[in-house]
Amino acid sequence: MSMLTDEKSRTDLLNRLKRAEGQLRGIQRMIEEGQACLDIASQMAAVRKALDATYVRMTVCFMEQELATRVGDGRRGELHAVLDDVQTLLGKVR
């Protein structure tokens, strides 16, 4: 399996992961400070959703990259539109 070569996509994914990392550090602080379990659970759910969304985005970026090499530049716009729809549909699963 190949790696993502588009620098913009890689930067986007890394930024998403860094935000999730910050959220996780916040949850650790909440636990250390003895905050309410319901508040902590809410933040955990937000991190899970962020990671799920990042996974979907990575998958779509990979699909776009691999399919573009096979389809060619002439239909890249159509491919991008279809994969945007795929990302939207996959985002509804969570």
PDB file of N, CA and C in Angstrom:
ATOM      1  N   MET A   1       0.857  -1.175   0.000  1.00  0.00           N
ATOM      2  CA  MET A   1       0.000   0.000   0.000  1.00  0.00           C
ATOM      3  C   MET A   1       0.897   1.230   0.000  1.00  0.00           C
ATOM      4  N   SER A   2       0.514   2.200  -0.752  1.00  0.00           N
ATOM      5  CA  SER A   2       1.343   3.397  -0.856  1.00  0.00           C
ATOM      6  C   SER A   2       1.018   4.403   0.238  1.00  0.00           C
ATOM      7  N   MET A   3       1.867   5.402   0.361  1.00  0.00           N
ATOM      8  CA  MET A   3       1.661   6.455   1.355  1.00  0.00           C
ATOM      9  C   MET A   3       1.041   7.678   0.681  1.00  0.00           C
ATOM     10  N   LEU A   4       0.481   8.570   1.481  1.00  0.00           N
ATOM     11  CA  LEU A   4      -0.077   9.801   0.935  1.00  0.00           C
ATOM     12  C   LEU A   4       1.057  10.695   0.461  1.00  0.00           C
ATOM     13  N   THR A   5       0.955  11.156  -0.765  1.00  0.00           N
ATOM     14  CA  THR A   5       2.007  11.992  -1.323  1.00  0.00           C
ATOM     15  C   THR A   5       1.618  13.463  -1.380  1.00  0.00           C
ATOM     16  N   ASP A   6       0.335  13.757  -1.277  1.00  0.00           N
ATOM     17  CA  ASP A   6      -0.128  15.145  -1.337  1.00  0.00           C
ATOM     18  C   ASP A   6       0.190  15.843  -0.017  1.00  0.00           C
ATOM     19  N   GLU A   7       1.050  16.839  -0.076  1.00  0.00           N
ATOM     20  CA  GLU A   7       1.513  17.535   1.136  1.00  0.00           C
ATOM     21  C   GLU A   7       0.363  18.234   1.863  1.00  0.00           C
ATOM     22  N   LYS A   8      -0.571  18.801   1.105  1.00  0.00           N
ATOM     23  CA  LYS A   8      -1.714  19.484   1.726  1.00  0.00           C
ATOM     24  C   LYS A   8      -2.561  18.503   2.544  1.00  0.00           C
ATOM     25  N   SER A   9      -2.803  17.329   1.998  1.00  0.00           N
ATOM     26  CA  SER A   9      -3.581  16.312   2.713  1.00  0.00           C
ATOM     27  C   SER A   9      -2.843  15.830   3.955  1.00  0.00           C
ATOM     28  N   ARG A  10      -1.548  15.622   3.815  1.00  0.00           N
ATOM     29  CA  ARG A  10      -0.762  15.178   4.968  1.00  0.00           C
ATOM     30  C   ARG A  10      -0.775  16.225   6.072  1.00  0.00           C
ATOM     31  N   THR A  11      -0.639  17.488   5.700  1.00  0.00           N
ATOM     32  CA  THR A  11      -0.674  18.570   6.689  1.00  0.00           C
ATOM     33  C   THR A  11      -2.033  18.626   7.377  1.00  0.00           C
ATOM     34  N   ASP A  12      -3.102  18.480   6.594  1.00  0.00           N
ATOM     35  CA  ASP A  12      -4.455  18.482   7.160  1.00  0.00           C
ATOM     36  C   ASP A  12      -4.621  17.348   8.168  1.00  0.00           C
ATOM     37  N   LEU A  13      -4.182  16.158   7.806  1.00  0.00           N
ATOM     38  CA  LEU A  13      -4.302  15.015   8.711  1.00  0.00           C
ATOM     39  C   LEU A  13      -3.483  15.222   9.983  1.00  0.00           C
ATOM     40  N   LEU A  14      -2.270  15.721   9.834  1.00  0.00           N
ATOM     41  CA  LEU A  14      -1.436  15.967  11.013  1.00  0.00           C
ATOM     42  C   LEU A  14      -2.055  17.017  11.930  1.00  0.00           C
ATOM     43  N   ASN A  15      -2.623  18.067  11.356  1.00  0.00           N
ATOM     44  CA  ASN A  15      -3.281  19.091  12.179  1.00  0.00           C
ATOM     45  C   ASN A  15      -4.471  18.518  12.928  1.00  0.00           C
ATOM     46  N   ARG A  16      -5.244  17.666  12.266  1.00  0.00           N
ATOM     47  CA  ARG A  16      -6.382  17.019  12.939  1.00  0.00           C
ATOM     48  C   ARG A  16      -5.908  16.163  14.108  1.00  0.00           C
ATOM     49  N   LEU A  17      -4.829  15.417  13.888  1.00  0.00           N
ATOM     50  CA  LEU A  17      -4.299  14.561  14.947  1.00  0.00           C
ATOM     51  C   LEU A  17      -3.732  15.378  16.103  1.00  0.00           C
ATOM     52  N   LYS A  18      -3.118  16.497  15.807  1.00  0.00           N
ATOM     53  CA  LYS A  18      -2.589  17.355  16.866  1.00  0.00           C
ATOM     54  C   LYS A  18      -3.708  17.940  17.718  1.00  0.00           C
ATOM     55  N   ARG A  19      -4.835  18.294  17.051  1.00  0.00           N
ATOM     56  CA  ARG A  19      -5.989  18.780  17.828  1.00  0.00           C
ATOM     57  C   ARG A  19      -6.520  17.687  18.746  1.00  0.00           C
ATOM     58  N   ALA A  20      -6.622  16.465  18.219  1.00  0.00           N
ATOM     59  CA  ALA A  20      -7.095  15.344  19.039  1.00  0.00           C
ATOM     60  C   ALA A  20      -6.137  15.076  20.190  1.00  0.00           C
ATOM     61  N   GLU A  21      -4.847  15.196  19.920  1.00  0.00           N
ATOM     62  CA  GLU A  21      -3.845  15.020  20.970  1.00  0.00           C
ATOM     63  C   GLU A  21      -4.044  16.051  22.082  1.00  0.00           C
ATOM     64  N   GLY A  22      -4.321  17.281  21.703  1.00  0.00           N
ATOM     65  CA  GLY A  22      -4.595  18.326  22.692  1.00  0.00           C
ATOM     66  C   GLY A  22      -5.836  18.017  23.506  1.00  0.00           C
ATOM     67  N   GLN A  23      -6.860  17.495  22.821  1.00  0.00           N
ATOM     68  CA  GLN A  23      -8.078  17.113  23.536  1.00  0.00           C
ATOM     69  C   GLN A  23      -7.783  15.994  24.538  1.00  0.00           C
ATOM     70  N   LEU A  24      -6.966  15.030  24.140  1.00  0.00           N
ATOM     71  CA  LEU A  24      -6.618  13.935  25.047  1.00  0.00           C
ATOM     72  C   LEU A  24      -5.854  14.442  26.272  1.00  0.00           C
ATOM     73  N   ARG A  25      -4.946  15.374  26.057  1.00  0.00           N
ATOM     74  CA  ARG A  25      -4.234  15.962  27.202  1.00  0.00           C
ATOM     75  C   ARG A  25      -5.215  16.677  28.133  1.00  0.00           C
ATOM     76  N   GLY A  26      -6.205  17.335  27.547  1.00  0.00           N
ATOM     77  CA  GLY A  26      -7.229  17.995  28.348  1.00  0.00           C
ATOM     78  C   GLY A  26      -8.025  17.000  29.179  1.00  0.00           C
ATOM     79  N   ILE A  27      -8.323  15.857  28.598  1.00  0.00           N
ATOM     80  CA  ILE A  27      -9.055  14.812  29.332  1.00  0.00           C
ATOM     81  C   ILE A  27      -8.201  14.294  30.489  1.00  0.00           C
ATOM     82  N   GLN A  28      -6.921  14.111  30.244  1.00  0.00           N
ATOM     83  CA  GLN A  28      -6.035  13.663  31.320  1.00  0.00           C
ATOM     84  C   GLN A  28      -6.044  14.654  32.476  1.00  0.00           C
ATOM     85  N   ARG A  29      -5.996  15.946  32.133  1.00  0.00           N
ATOM     86  CA  ARG A  29      -6.049  16.987  33.172  1.00  0.00           C
ATOM     87  C   ARG A  29      -7.370  16.916  33.933  1.00  0.00           C
ATOM     88  N   MET A  30      -8.459  16.710  33.197  1.00  0.00           N
ATOM     89  CA  MET A  30      -9.772  16.631  33.844  1.00  0.00           C
ATOM     90  C   MET A  30      -9.802  15.498  34.871  1.00  0.00           C
ATOM     91  N   ILE A  31      -9.231  14.362  34.499  1.00  0.00           N
ATOM     92  CA  ILE A  31      -9.203  13.213  35.408  1.00  0.00           C
ATOM     93  C   ILE A  31      -8.332  13.523  36.621  1.00  0.00           C
ATOM     94  N   GLU A  32      -7.161  14.105  36.367  1.00  0.00           N
ATOM     95  CA  GLU A  32      -6.267  14.462  37.474  1.00  0.00           C
ATOM     96  C   GLU A  32      -6.926  15.434  38.440  1.00  0.00           C
ATOM     97  N   GLU A  33      -7.743  16.359  37.904  1.00  0.00           N
ATOM     98  CA  GLU A  33      -8.404  17.366  38.730  1.00  0.00           C
ATOM     99  C   GLU A  33      -9.684  16.843  39.374  1.00  0.00           C
ATOM    100  N   GLY A  34     -10.088  15.621  39.033  1.00  0.00           N
ATOM    101  CA  GLY A  34     -11.268  15.017  39.636  1.00  0.00           C
ATOM    102  C   GLY A  34     -12.585  15.572  39.115  1.00  0.00           C
ATOM    103  N   GLN A  35     -12.625  15.938  37.855  1.00  0.00           N
ATOM    104  CA  GLN A  35     -13.871  16.468  37.292  1.00  0.00           C
ATOM    105  C   GLN A  35     -14.898  15.358  37.100  1.00  0.00           C
ATOM    106  N   ALA A  36     -16.121  15.755  36.869  1.00  0.00           N
ATOM    107  CA  ALA A  36     -17.248  14.821  36.767  1.00  0.00           C
ATOM    108  C   ALA A  36     -17.082  13.858  35.595  1.00  0.00           C
ATOM    109  N   CYS A  37     -17.459  12.602  35.840  1.00  0.00           N
ATOM    110  CA  CYS A  37     -17.338  11.554  34.821  1.00  0.00           C
ATOM    111  C   CYS A  37     -18.141  11.896  33.563  1.00  0.00           C
ATOM    112  N   LEU A  38     -19.296  12.510  33.725  1.00  0.00           N
ATOM    113  CA  LEU A  38     -20.114  12.856  32.569  1.00  0.00           C
ATOM    114  C   LEU A  38     -19.400  13.870  31.679  1.00  0.00           C
ATOM    115  N   ASP A  39     -18.733  14.830  32.280  1.00  0.00           N
ATOM    116  CA  ASP A  39     -17.967  15.814  31.510  1.00  0.00           C
ATOM    117  C   ASP A  39     -16.784  15.151  30.788  1.00  0.00           C
ATOM    118  N   ILE A  40     -16.129  14.243  31.486  1.00  0.00           N
ATOM    119  CA  ILE A  40     -14.993  13.530  30.892  1.00  0.00           C
ATOM    120  C   ILE A  40     -15.478  12.656  29.737  1.00  0.00           C
ATOM    121  N   ALA A  41     -16.577  11.962  29.945  1.00  0.00           N
ATOM    122  CA  ALA A  41     -17.128  11.104  28.894  1.00  0.00           C
ATOM    123  C   ALA A  41     -17.500  11.906  27.657  1.00  0.00           C
ATOM    124  N   SER A  42     -18.022  13.080  27.873  1.00  0.00           N
ATOM    125  CA  SER A  42     -18.382  13.953  26.753  1.00  0.00           C
ATOM    126  C   SER A  42     -17.157  14.323  25.936  1.00  0.00           C
ATOM    127  N   GLN A  43     -16.058  14.641  26.620  1.00  0.00           N
ATOM    128  CA  GLN A  43     -14.818  14.986  25.927  1.00  0.00           C
ATOM    129  C   GLN A  43     -14.213  13.772  25.224  1.00  0.00           C
ATOM    130  N   MET A  44     -14.348  12.604  25.842  1.00  0.00           N
ATOM    131  CA  MET A  44     -13.860  11.378  25.200  1.00  0.00           C
ATOM    132  C   MET A  44     -14.628  11.097  23.912  1.00  0.00           C
ATOM    133  N   ALA A  45     -15.922  11.312  23.949  1.00  0.00           N
ATOM    134  CA  ALA A  45     -16.741  11.104  22.752  1.00  0.00           C
ATOM    135  C   ALA A  45     -16.319  12.067  21.641  1.00  0.00           C
ATOM    136  N   ALA A  46     -15.981  13.288  22.015  1.00  0.00           N
ATOM    137  CA  ALA A  46     -15.546  14.279  21.025  1.00  0.00           C
ATOM    138  C   ALA A  46     -14.225  13.856  20.376  1.00  0.00           C
ATOM    139  N   VAL A  47     -13.311  13.306  21.178  1.00  0.00           N
ATOM    140  CA  VAL A  47     -12.025  12.847  20.638  1.00  0.00           C
ATOM    141  C   VAL A  47     -12.245  11.664  19.702  1.00  0.00           C
ATOM    142  N   ARG A  48     -13.106  10.741  20.103  1.00  0.00           N
ATOM    143  CA  ARG A  48     -13.392   9.587  19.244  1.00  0.00           C
ATOM    144  C   ARG A  48     -13.963  10.048  17.906  1.00  0.00           C
ATOM    145  N   LYS A  49     -14.871  11.001  17.958  1.00  0.00           N
ATOM    146  CA  LYS A  49     -15.461  11.509  16.723  1.00  0.00           C
ATOM    147  C   LYS A  49     -14.407  12.189  15.848  1.00  0.00           C
ATOM    148  N   ALA A  50     -13.518  12.942  16.476  1.00  0.00           N
ATOM    149  CA  ALA A  50     -12.445  13.611  15.728  1.00  0.00           C
ATOM    150  C   ALA A  50     -11.518  12.590  15.073  1.00  0.00           C
ATOM    151  N   LEU A  51     -11.185  11.533  15.790  1.00  0.00           N
ATOM    152  CA  LEU A  51     -10.321  10.501  15.218  1.00  0.00           C
ATOM    153  C   LEU A  51     -11.027   9.743  14.097  1.00  0.00           C
ATOM    154  N   ASP A  52     -12.313   9.469  14.280  1.00  0.00           N
ATOM    155  CA  ASP A  52     -13.084   8.814  13.214  1.00  0.00           C
ATOM    156  C   ASP A  52     -13.115   9.683  11.953  1.00  0.00           C
ATOM    157  N   ALA A  53     -13.336  10.977  12.130  1.00  0.00           N
ATOM    158  CA  ALA A  53     -13.380  11.892  10.991  1.00  0.00           C
ATOM    159  C   ALA A  53     -12.015  11.960  10.307  1.00  0.00           C
ATOM    160  N   THR A  54     -10.949  11.914  11.080  1.00  0.00           N
ATOM    161  CA  THR A  54      -9.599  11.928  10.516  1.00  0.00           C
ATOM    162  C   THR A  54      -9.343  10.657   9.718  1.00  0.00           C
ATOM    163  N   TYR A  55      -9.806   9.531  10.240  1.00  0.00           N
ATOM    164  CA  TYR A  55      -9.643   8.264   9.529  1.00  0.00           C
ATOM    165  C   TYR A  55     -10.386   8.293   8.194  1.00  0.00           C
ATOM    166  N   VAL A  56     -11.613   8.792   8.203  1.00  0.00           N
ATOM    167  CA  VAL A  56     -12.393   8.895   6.967  1.00  0.00           C
ATOM    168  C   VAL A  56     -11.673   9.806   5.983  1.00  0.00           C
ATOM    169  N   ARG A  57     -11.177  10.942   6.451  1.00  0.00           N
ATOM    170  CA  ARG A  57     -10.475  11.882   5.569  1.00  0.00           C
ATOM    171  C   ARG A  57      -9.228  11.238   4.969  1.00  0.00           C
ATOM    172  N   MET A  58      -8.469  10.499   5.783  1.00  0.00           N
ATOM    173  CA  MET A  58      -7.282   9.824   5.282  1.00  0.00           C
ATOM    174  C   MET A  58      -7.656   8.795   4.223  1.00  0.00           C
ATOM    175  N   THR A  59      -8.706   8.048   4.458  1.00  0.00           N
ATOM    176  CA  THR A  59      -9.150   7.031   3.507  1.00  0.00           C
ATOM    177  C   THR A  59      -9.552   7.660   2.180  1.00  0.00           C
ATOM    178  N   VAL A  60     -10.302   8.753   2.235  1.00  0.00           N
ATOM    179  CA  VAL A  60     -10.729   9.427   1.012  1.00  0.00           C
ATOM    180  C   VAL A  60      -9.528  10.030   0.282  1.00  0.00           C
ATOM    181  N   CYS A  61      -8.591  10.605   1.010  1.00  0.00           N
ATOM    182  CA  CYS A  61      -7.376  11.145   0.374  1.00  0.00           C
ATOM    183  C   CYS A  61      -6.610  10.040  -0.342  1.00  0.00           C
ATOM    184  N   PHE A  62      -6.491   8.900   0.306  1.00  0.00           N
ATOM    185  CA  PHE A  62      -5.807   7.765  -0.304  1.00  0.00           C
ATOM    186  C   PHE A  62      -6.541   7.309  -1.562  1.00  0.00           C
ATOM    187  N   MET A  63      -7.861   7.186  -1.477  1.00  0.00           N
ATOM    188  CA  MET A  63      -8.647   6.767  -2.638  1.00  0.00           C
ATOM    189  C   MET A  63      -8.481   7.750  -3.792  1.00  0.00           C
ATOM    190  N   GLU A  64      -8.537   9.028  -3.469  1.00  0.00           N
ATOM    191  CA  GLU A  64      -8.399  10.055  -4.505  1.00  0.00           C
ATOM    192  C   GLU A  64      -7.034   9.969  -5.176  1.00  0.00           C
ATOM    193  N   GLN A  65      -6.010   9.821  -4.376  1.00  0.00           N
ATOM    194  CA  GLN A  65      -4.648   9.734  -4.906  1.00  0.00           C
ATOM    195  C   GLN A  65      -4.492   8.515  -5.816  1.00  0.00           C
ATOM    196  N   GLU A  66      -4.940   7.365  -5.345  1.00  0.00           N
ATOM    197  CA  GLU A  66      -4.752   6.139  -6.112  1.00  0.00           C
ATOM    198  C   GLU A  66      -5.619   6.104  -7.369  1.00  0.00           C
ATOM    199  N   LEU A  67      -6.853   6.546  -7.257  1.00  0.00           N
ATOM    200  CA  LEU A  67      -7.733   6.545  -8.422  1.00  0.00           C
ATOM    201  C   LEU A  67      -7.300   7.578  -9.461  1.00  0.00           C
ATOM    202  N   ALA A  68      -6.781   8.705  -9.005  1.00  0.00           N
ATOM    203  CA  ALA A  68      -6.334   9.746  -9.933  1.00  0.00           C
ATOM    204  C   ALA A  68      -5.207   9.243 -10.821  1.00  0.00           C
ATOM    205  N   THR A  69      -4.347   8.413 -10.274  1.00  0.00           N
ATOM    206  CA  THR A  69      -3.252   7.880 -11.087  1.00  0.00           C
ATOM    207  C   THR A  69      -3.764   6.915 -12.148  1.00  0.00           C
ATOM    208  N   ARG A  70      -4.909   6.309 -11.886  1.00  0.00           N
ATOM    209  CA  ARG A  70      -5.464   5.345 -12.831  1.00  0.00           C
ATOM    210  C   ARG A  70      -6.440   5.976 -13.830  1.00  0.00           C
ATOM    211  N   VAL A  71      -7.130   7.033 -13.402  1.00  0.00           N
ATOM    212  CA  VAL A  71      -8.136   7.679 -14.242  1.00  0.00           C
ATOM    213  C   VAL A  71      -7.510   8.719 -15.162  1.00  0.00           C
ATOM    214  N   GLY A  72      -6.529   9.426 -14.656  1.00  0.00           N
ATOM    215  CA  GLY A  72      -5.894  10.479 -15.435  1.00  0.00           C
ATOM    216  C   GLY A  72      -6.440  11.846 -15.071  1.00  0.00           C
ATOM    217  N   ASP A  73      -5.767  12.885 -15.534  1.00  0.00           N
ATOM    218  CA  ASP A  73      -6.103  14.260 -15.174  1.00  0.00           C
ATOM    219  C   ASP A  73      -7.419  14.744 -15.761  1.00  0.00           C
ATOM    220  N   GLY A  74      -7.835  14.198 -16.879  1.00  0.00           N
ATOM    221  CA  GLY A  74      -9.037  14.679 -17.554  1.00  0.00           C
ATOM    222  C   GLY A  74     -10.306  14.548 -16.744  1.00  0.00           C
ATOM    223  N   ARG A  75     -10.361  13.582 -15.861  1.00  0.00           N
ATOM    224  CA  ARG A  75     -11.581  13.336 -15.076  1.00  0.00           C
ATOM    225  C   ARG A  75     -11.363  13.567 -13.584  1.00  0.00           C
ATOM    226  N   ARG A  76     -10.305  14.255 -13.252  1.00  0.00           N
ATOM    227  CA  ARG A  76      -9.964  14.493 -11.849  1.00  0.00           C
ATOM    228  C   ARG A  76     -11.071  15.262 -11.114  1.00  0.00           C
ATOM    229  N   GLY A  77     -11.697  16.238 -11.797  1.00  0.00           N
ATOM    230  CA  GLY A  77     -12.774  17.008 -11.171  1.00  0.00           C
ATOM    231  C   GLY A  77     -13.963  16.137 -10.813  1.00  0.00           C
ATOM    232  N   GLU A  78     -14.337  15.245 -11.728  1.00  0.00           N
ATOM    233  CA  GLU A  78     -15.443  14.314 -11.459  1.00  0.00           C
ATOM    234  C   GLU A  78     -15.093  13.404 -10.287  1.00  0.00           C
ATOM    235  N   LEU A  79     -13.884  12.902 -10.297  1.00  0.00           N
ATOM    236  CA  LEU A  79     -13.426  12.020  -9.235  1.00  0.00           C
ATOM    237  C   LEU A  79     -13.481  12.723  -7.885  1.00  0.00           C
ATOM    238  N   HIS A  80     -13.020  13.962  -7.848  1.00  0.00           N
ATOM    239  CA  HIS A  80     -13.030  14.736  -6.599  1.00  0.00           C
ATOM    240  C   HIS A  80     -14.465  14.905  -6.085  1.00  0.00           C
ATOM    241  N   ALA A  81     -15.392  15.193  -6.986  1.00  0.00           N
ATOM    242  CA  ALA A  81     -16.796  15.383  -6.590  1.00  0.00           C
ATOM    243  C   ALA A  81     -17.384  14.099  -6.013  1.00  0.00           C
ATOM    244  N   VAL A  82     -17.102  12.976  -6.649  1.00  0.00           N
ATOM    245  CA  VAL A  82     -17.628  11.695  -6.160  1.00  0.00           C
ATOM    246  C   VAL A  82     -17.040  11.367  -4.797  1.00  0.00           C
ATOM    247  N   LEU A  83     -15.748  11.601  -4.637  1.00  0.00           N
ATOM    248  CA  LEU A  83     -15.118  11.282  -3.363  1.00  0.00           C
ATOM    249  C   LEU A  83     -15.550  12.235  -2.253  1.00  0.00           C
ATOM    250  N   ASP A  84     -15.892  13.447  -2.579  1.00  0.00           N
ATOM    251  CA  ASP A  84     -16.487  14.346  -1.578  1.00  0.00           C
ATOM    252  C   ASP A  84     -17.800  13.766  -1.075  1.00  0.00           C
ATOM    253  N   ASP A  85     -18.589  13.231  -2.003  1.00  0.00           N
ATOM    254  CA  ASP A  85     -19.855  12.591  -1.619  1.00  0.00           C
ATOM    255  C   ASP A  85     -19.602  11.350  -0.762  1.00  0.00           C
ATOM    256  N   VAL A  86     -18.594  10.564  -1.130  1.00  0.00           N
ATOM    257  CA  VAL A  86     -18.240   9.382  -0.342  1.00  0.00           C
ATOM    258  C   VAL A  86     -17.856   9.793   1.079  1.00  0.00           C
ATOM    259  N   GLN A  87     -17.062  10.852   1.199  1.00  0.00           N
ATOM    260  CA  GLN A  87     -16.653  11.312   2.520  1.00  0.00           C
ATOM    261  C   GLN A  87     -17.862  11.748   3.335  1.00  0.00           C
ATOM    262  N   THR A  88     -18.786  12.444   2.710  1.00  0.00           N
ATOM    263  CA  THR A  88     -19.999  12.882   3.396  1.00  0.00           C
ATOM    264  C   THR A  88     -20.809  11.666   3.871  1.00  0.00           C
ATOM    265  N   LEU A  89     -20.960  10.682   2.995  1.00  0.00           N
ATOM    266  CA  LEU A  89     -21.707   9.483   3.364  1.00  0.00           C
ATOM    267  C   LEU A  89     -21.036   8.726   4.506  1.00  0.00           C
ATOM    268  N   LEU A  90     -19.736   8.561   4.435  1.00  0.00           N
ATOM    269  CA  LEU A  90     -19.024   7.860   5.494  1.00  0.00           C
ATOM    270  C   LEU A  90     -19.076   8.639   6.809  1.00  0.00           C
ATOM    271  N   GLY A  91     -19.110   9.942   6.723  1.00  0.00           N
ATOM    272  CA  GLY A  91     -19.217  10.765   7.918  1.00  0.00           C
ATOM    273  C   GLY A  91     -20.529  10.592   8.656  1.00  0.00           C
ATOM    274  N   LYS A  92     -21.559  10.167   7.940  1.00  0.00           N
ATOM    275  CA  LYS A  92     -22.875   9.961   8.550  1.00  0.00           C
ATOM    276  C   LYS A  92     -22.958   8.651   9.322  1.00  0.00           C
ATOM    277  N   VAL A  93     -22.010   7.734   9.100  1.00  0.00           N
ATOM    278  CA  VAL A  93     -22.029   6.436   9.743  1.00  0.00           C
ATOM    279  C   VAL A  93     -21.814   6.543  11.239  1.00  0.00           C
ATOM    280  N   ARG A  94     -20.965   7.480  11.635  1.00  0.00           N
ATOM    281  CA  ARG A  94     -20.633   7.597  13.063  1.00  0.00           C
ATOM    282  C   ARG A  94     -21.801   8.025  13.883  1.00  0.00           C
TER     283      ARG A  94
END
